[in-house]
Amino acid sequence: MAVTNDVEGQVALVTGASRGIGAATARAFGAAEASVALVARPADALAAVAADVERTR
């Protein structure tokens, strides 16, 4: 998934970010240089996605 708008410096709030579409969306916004706020359960899966987002920035 690619973010086509310029979101650098913007804040993206992604719910359901621990898996599936939410995780893919969070990674895409991170790669596009947005600040990403993640919300989801379970915490361990969310932490893994957060680490991925940080690595792609």
PDB file of N, CA and C in Angstrom:
ATOM      1  N   MET A   1       0.846  -1.158   0.000  1.00  0.00           N
ATOM      2  CA  MET A   1       0.000   0.000   0.000  1.00  0.00           C
ATOM      3  C   MET A   1       0.895   1.225   0.000  1.00  0.00           C
ATOM      4  N   ALA A   2       0.575   2.187  -0.828  1.00  0.00           N
ATOM      5  CA  ALA A   2       1.347   3.418  -0.885  1.00  0.00           C
ATOM      6  C   ALA A   2       0.450   4.601  -0.550  1.00  0.00           C
ATOM      7  N   VAL A   3       0.973   5.545   0.189  1.00  0.00           N
ATOM      8  CA  VAL A   3       0.246   6.771   0.505  1.00  0.00           C
ATOM      9  C   VAL A   3       0.545   7.749  -0.614  1.00  0.00           C
ATOM     10  N   THR A   4      -0.493   8.221  -1.313  1.00  0.00           N
ATOM     11  CA  THR A   4      -0.282   9.060  -2.487  1.00  0.00           C
ATOM     12  C   THR A   4      -0.284  10.556  -2.185  1.00  0.00           C
ATOM     13  N   ASN A   5      -0.778  10.957  -1.043  1.00  0.00           N
ATOM     14  CA  ASN A   5      -0.756  12.370  -0.661  1.00  0.00           C
ATOM     15  C   ASN A   5       0.488  12.646   0.171  1.00  0.00           C
ATOM     16  N   ASP A   6       0.889  13.915   0.206  1.00  0.00           N
ATOM     17  CA  ASP A   6       2.034  14.300   1.022  1.00  0.00           C
ATOM     18  C   ASP A   6       1.593  14.370   2.479  1.00  0.00           C
ATOM     19  N   VAL A   7       2.036  13.426   3.276  1.00  0.00           N
ATOM     20  CA  VAL A   7       1.648  13.377   4.689  1.00  0.00           C
ATOM     21  C   VAL A   7       2.831  13.635   5.611  1.00  0.00           C
ATOM     22  N   GLU A   8       3.972  13.974   5.044  1.00  0.00           N
ATOM     23  CA  GLU A   8       5.152  14.235   5.869  1.00  0.00           C
ATOM     24  C   GLU A   8       4.836  15.337   6.874  1.00  0.00           C
ATOM     25  N   GLY A   9       5.103  15.056   8.145  1.00  0.00           N
ATOM     26  CA  GLY A   9       4.856  16.016   9.204  1.00  0.00           C
ATOM     27  C   GLY A   9       3.432  16.011   9.737  1.00  0.00           C
ATOM     28  N   GLN A  10       2.553  15.245   9.122  1.00  0.00           N
ATOM     29  CA  GLN A  10       1.170  15.130   9.583  1.00  0.00           C
ATOM     30  C   GLN A  10       1.066  13.991  10.594  1.00  0.00           C
ATOM     31  N   VAL A  11      -0.025  13.945  11.330  1.00  0.00           N
ATOM     32  CA  VAL A  11      -0.260  12.880  12.302  1.00  0.00           C
ATOM     33  C   VAL A  11      -1.350  11.960  11.766  1.00  0.00           C
ATOM     34  N   ALA A  12      -1.075  10.661  11.748  1.00  0.00           N
ATOM     35  CA  ALA A  12      -2.055   9.661  11.329  1.00  0.00           C
ATOM     36  C   ALA A  12      -2.416   8.810  12.536  1.00  0.00           C
ATOM     37  N   LEU A  13      -3.702   8.737  12.855  1.00  0.00           N
ATOM     38  CA  LEU A  13      -4.193   7.876  13.924  1.00  0.00           C
ATOM     39  C   LEU A  13      -4.741   6.618  13.273  1.00  0.00           C
ATOM     40  N   VAL A  14      -4.135   5.475  13.588  1.00  0.00           N
ATOM     41  CA  VAL A  14      -4.542   4.208  12.987  1.00  0.00           C
ATOM     42  C   VAL A  14      -5.091   3.308  14.080  1.00  0.00           C
ATOM     43  N   THR A  15      -6.369   2.953  13.964  1.00  0.00           N
ATOM     44  CA  THR A  15      -6.974   2.022  14.908  1.00  0.00           C
ATOM     45  C   THR A  15      -6.932   0.625  14.306  1.00  0.00           C
ATOM     46  N   GLY A  16      -6.908  -0.377  15.156  1.00  0.00           N
ATOM     47  CA  GLY A  16      -6.798  -1.752  14.664  1.00  0.00           C
ATOM     48  C   GLY A  16      -5.441  -2.009  14.044  1.00  0.00           C
ATOM     49  N   ALA A  17      -4.413  -1.361  14.589  1.00  0.00           N
ATOM     50  CA  ALA A  17      -3.092  -1.356  13.967  1.00  0.00           C
ATOM     51  C   ALA A  17      -2.251  -2.591  14.247  1.00  0.00           C
ATOM     52  N   SER A  18      -2.754  -3.540  15.015  1.00  0.00           N
ATOM     53  CA  SER A  18      -1.911  -4.685  15.376  1.00  0.00           C
ATOM     54  C   SER A  18      -1.861  -5.770  14.310  1.00  0.00           C
ATOM     55  N   ARG A  19      -2.779  -5.709  13.321  1.00  0.00           N
ATOM     56  CA  ARG A  19      -2.738  -6.733  12.265  1.00  0.00           C
ATOM     57  C   ARG A  19      -3.557  -6.285  11.065  1.00  0.00           C
ATOM     58  N   GLY A  20      -3.411  -7.018   9.985  1.00  0.00           N
ATOM     59  CA  GLY A  20      -4.228  -6.811   8.790  1.00  0.00           C
ATOM     60  C   GLY A  20      -4.093  -5.440   8.160  1.00  0.00           C
ATOM     61  N   ILE A  21      -5.250  -4.909   7.761  1.00  0.00           N
ATOM     62  CA  ILE A  21      -5.287  -3.620   7.075  1.00  0.00           C
ATOM     63  C   ILE A  21      -4.734  -2.504   7.959  1.00  0.00           C
ATOM     64  N   GLY A  22      -5.031  -2.542   9.246  1.00  0.00           N
ATOM     65  CA  GLY A  22      -4.529  -1.515  10.152  1.00  0.00           C
ATOM     66  C   GLY A  22      -3.016  -1.505  10.224  1.00  0.00           C
ATOM     67  N   ALA A  23      -2.407  -2.681  10.301  1.00  0.00           N
ATOM     68  CA  ALA A  23      -0.943  -2.771  10.346  1.00  0.00           C
ATOM     69  C   ALA A  23      -0.329  -2.281   9.042  1.00  0.00           C
ATOM     70  N   ALA A  24      -0.922  -2.665   7.920  1.00  0.00           N
ATOM     71  CA  ALA A  24      -0.412  -2.223   6.619  1.00  0.00           C
ATOM     72  C   ALA A  24      -0.538  -0.709   6.475  1.00  0.00           C
ATOM     73  N   THR A  25      -1.643  -0.163   6.948  1.00  0.00           N
ATOM     74  CA  THR A  25      -1.854   1.283   6.889  1.00  0.00           C
ATOM     75  C   THR A  25      -0.834   2.013   7.756  1.00  0.00           C
ATOM     76  N   ALA A  26      -0.592   1.512   8.946  1.00  0.00           N
ATOM     77  CA  ALA A  26       0.391   2.125   9.843  1.00  0.00           C
ATOM     78  C   ALA A  26       1.778   2.117   9.217  1.00  0.00           C
ATOM     79  N   ARG A  27       2.161   0.994   8.631  1.00  0.00           N
ATOM     80  CA  ARG A  27       3.480   0.904   7.985  1.00  0.00           C
ATOM     81  C   ARG A  27       3.580   1.873   6.808  1.00  0.00           C
ATOM     82  N   ALA A  28       2.505   1.991   6.025  1.00  0.00           N
ATOM     83  CA  ALA A  28       2.516   2.891   4.868  1.00  0.00           C
ATOM     84  C   ALA A  28       2.652   4.347   5.304  1.00  0.00           C
ATOM     85  N   PHE A  29       1.911   4.742   6.330  1.00  0.00           N
ATOM     86  CA  PHE A  29       2.036   6.116   6.822  1.00  0.00           C
ATOM     87  C   PHE A  29       3.426   6.365   7.393  1.00  0.00           C
ATOM     88  N   GLY A  30       3.988   5.401   8.088  1.00  0.00           N
ATOM     89  CA  GLY A  30       5.344   5.545   8.605  1.00  0.00           C
ATOM     90  C   GLY A  30       6.358   5.720   7.493  1.00  0.00           C
ATOM     91  N   ALA A  31       6.219   4.917   6.441  1.00  0.00           N
ATOM     92  CA  ALA A  31       7.131   5.015   5.301  1.00  0.00           C
ATOM     93  C   ALA A  31       6.989   6.353   4.583  1.00  0.00           C
ATOM     94  N   ALA A  32       5.799   6.962   4.674  1.00  0.00           N
ATOM     95  CA  ALA A  32       5.554   8.258   4.038  1.00  0.00           C
ATOM     96  C   ALA A  32       5.941   9.425   4.947  1.00  0.00           C
ATOM     97  N   GLU A  33       6.613   9.128   6.068  1.00  0.00           N
ATOM     98  CA  GLU A  33       7.141  10.130   6.999  1.00  0.00           C
ATOM     99  C   GLU A  33       6.070  10.854   7.810  1.00  0.00           C
ATOM    100  N   ALA A  34       4.907  10.235   8.002  1.00  0.00           N
ATOM    101  CA  ALA A  34       3.907  10.806   8.907  1.00  0.00           C
ATOM    102  C   ALA A  34       4.245  10.370  10.328  1.00  0.00           C
ATOM    103  N   SER A  35       3.802  11.141  11.297  1.00  0.00           N
ATOM    104  CA  SER A  35       3.854  10.689  12.686  1.00  0.00           C
ATOM    105  C   SER A  35       2.654   9.778  12.864  1.00  0.00           C
ATOM    106  N   VAL A  36       2.872   8.584  13.402  1.00  0.00           N
ATOM    107  CA  VAL A  36       1.806   7.591  13.453  1.00  0.00           C
ATOM    108  C   VAL A  36       1.459   7.270  14.901  1.00  0.00           C
ATOM    109  N   ALA A  37       0.179   7.428  15.242  1.00  0.00           N
ATOM    110  CA  ALA A  37      -0.344   7.030  16.548  1.00  0.00           C
ATOM    111  C   ALA A  37      -1.112   5.729  16.338  1.00  0.00           C
ATOM    112  N   LEU A  38      -0.734   4.693  17.075  1.00  0.00           N
ATOM    113  CA  LEU A  38      -1.322   3.368  16.887  1.00  0.00           C
ATOM    114  C   LEU A  38      -2.214   2.998  18.064  1.00  0.00           C
ATOM    115  N   VAL A  39      -3.360   2.387  17.760  1.00  0.00           N
ATOM    116  CA  VAL A  39      -4.286   1.908  18.782  1.00  0.00           C
ATOM    117  C   VAL A  39      -4.718   0.507  18.386  1.00  0.00           C
ATOM    118  N   ALA A  40      -4.598  -0.446  19.327  1.00  0.00           N
ATOM    119  CA  ALA A  40      -5.035  -1.817  19.038  1.00  0.00           C
ATOM    120  C   ALA A  40      -4.828  -2.700  20.249  1.00  0.00           C
ATOM    121  N   ARG A  41      -5.354  -3.902  20.162  1.00  0.00           N
ATOM    122  CA  ARG A  41      -5.084  -4.977  21.111  1.00  0.00           C
ATOM    123  C   ARG A  41      -4.655  -6.159  20.275  1.00  0.00           C
ATOM    124  N   PRO A  42      -3.877  -7.025  20.675  1.00  0.00           N
ATOM    125  CA  PRO A  42      -3.130  -7.112  21.922  1.00  0.00           C
ATOM    126  C   PRO A  42      -1.864  -6.260  21.873  1.00  0.00           C
ATOM    127  N   ALA A  43      -1.375  -5.937  23.046  1.00  0.00           N
ATOM    128  CA  ALA A  43      -0.236  -5.025  23.166  1.00  0.00           C
ATOM    129  C   ALA A  43       1.031  -5.570  22.528  1.00  0.00           C
ATOM    130  N   ASP A  44       1.273  -6.884  22.614  1.00  0.00           N
ATOM    131  CA  ASP A  44       2.513  -7.425  22.048  1.00  0.00           C
ATOM    132  C   ASP A  44       2.519  -7.315  20.527  1.00  0.00           C
ATOM    133  N   ALA A  45       1.395  -7.577  19.886  1.00  0.00           N
ATOM    134  CA  ALA A  45       1.321  -7.436  18.429  1.00  0.00           C
ATOM    135  C   ALA A  45       1.451  -5.971  18.029  1.00  0.00           C
ATOM    136  N   LEU A  46       0.862  -5.089  18.816  1.00  0.00           N
ATOM    137  CA  LEU A  46       0.956  -3.663  18.539  1.00  0.00           C
ATOM    138  C   LEU A  46       2.396  -3.178  18.658  1.00  0.00           C
ATOM    139  N   ALA A  47       3.115  -3.670  19.652  1.00  0.00           N
ATOM    140  CA  ALA A  47       4.522  -3.295  19.829  1.00  0.00           C
ATOM    141  C   ALA A  47       5.358  -3.729  18.631  1.00  0.00           C
ATOM    142  N   ALA A  48       5.060  -4.889  18.069  1.00  0.00           N
ATOM    143  CA  ALA A  48       5.799  -5.371  16.898  1.00  0.00           C
ATOM    144  C   ALA A  48       5.546  -4.469  15.693  1.00  0.00           C
ATOM    145  N   VAL A  49       4.307  -4.057  15.491  1.00  0.00           N
ATOM    146  CA  VAL A  49       3.993  -3.156  14.379  1.00  0.00           C
ATOM    147  C   VAL A  49       4.651  -1.799  14.608  1.00  0.00           C
ATOM    148  N   ALA A  50       4.622  -1.300  15.835  1.00  0.00           N
ATOM    149  CA  ALA A  50       5.262  -0.019  16.146  1.00  0.00           C
ATOM    150  C   ALA A  50       6.755  -0.069  15.832  1.00  0.00           C
ATOM    151  N   ALA A  51       7.398  -1.171  16.148  1.00  0.00           N
ATOM    152  CA  ALA A  51       8.822  -1.325  15.835  1.00  0.00           C
ATOM    153  C   ALA A  51       9.043  -1.322  14.328  1.00  0.00           C
ATOM    154  N   ASP A  52       8.158  -1.973  13.577  1.00  0.00           N
ATOM    155  CA  ASP A  52       8.255  -1.965  12.114  1.00  0.00           C
ATOM    156  C   ASP A  52       8.108  -0.552  11.562  1.00  0.00           C
ATOM    157  N   VAL A  53       7.150   0.193  12.099  1.00  0.00           N
ATOM    158  CA  VAL A  53       6.928   1.568  11.641  1.00  0.00           C
ATOM    159  C   VAL A  53       8.175   2.406  11.900  1.00  0.00           C
ATOM    160  N   GLU A  54       8.772   2.273  13.053  1.00  0.00           N
ATOM    161  CA  GLU A  54       9.991   3.030  13.375  1.00  0.00           C
ATOM    162  C   GLU A  54      11.136   2.673  12.432  1.00  0.00           C
ATOM    163  N   ARG A  55      11.259   1.402  12.085  1.00  0.00           N
ATOM    164  CA  ARG A  55      12.336   0.974  11.183  1.00  0.00           C
ATOM    165  C   ARG A  55      12.156   1.523   9.776  1.00  0.00           C
ATOM    166  N   THR A  56      10.917   1.702   9.321  1.00  0.00           N
ATOM    167  CA  THR A  56      10.684   2.154   7.948  1.00  0.00           C
ATOM    168  C   THR A  56      10.780   3.657   7.791  1.00  0.00           C
ATOM    169  N   ARG A  57      10.851   4.386   8.891  1.00  0.00           N
ATOM    170  CA  ARG A  57      10.899   5.855   8.799  1.00  0.00           C
ATOM    171  C   ARG A  57      12.227   6.340   8.315  1.00  0.00           C
TER     172      ARG A  57
END
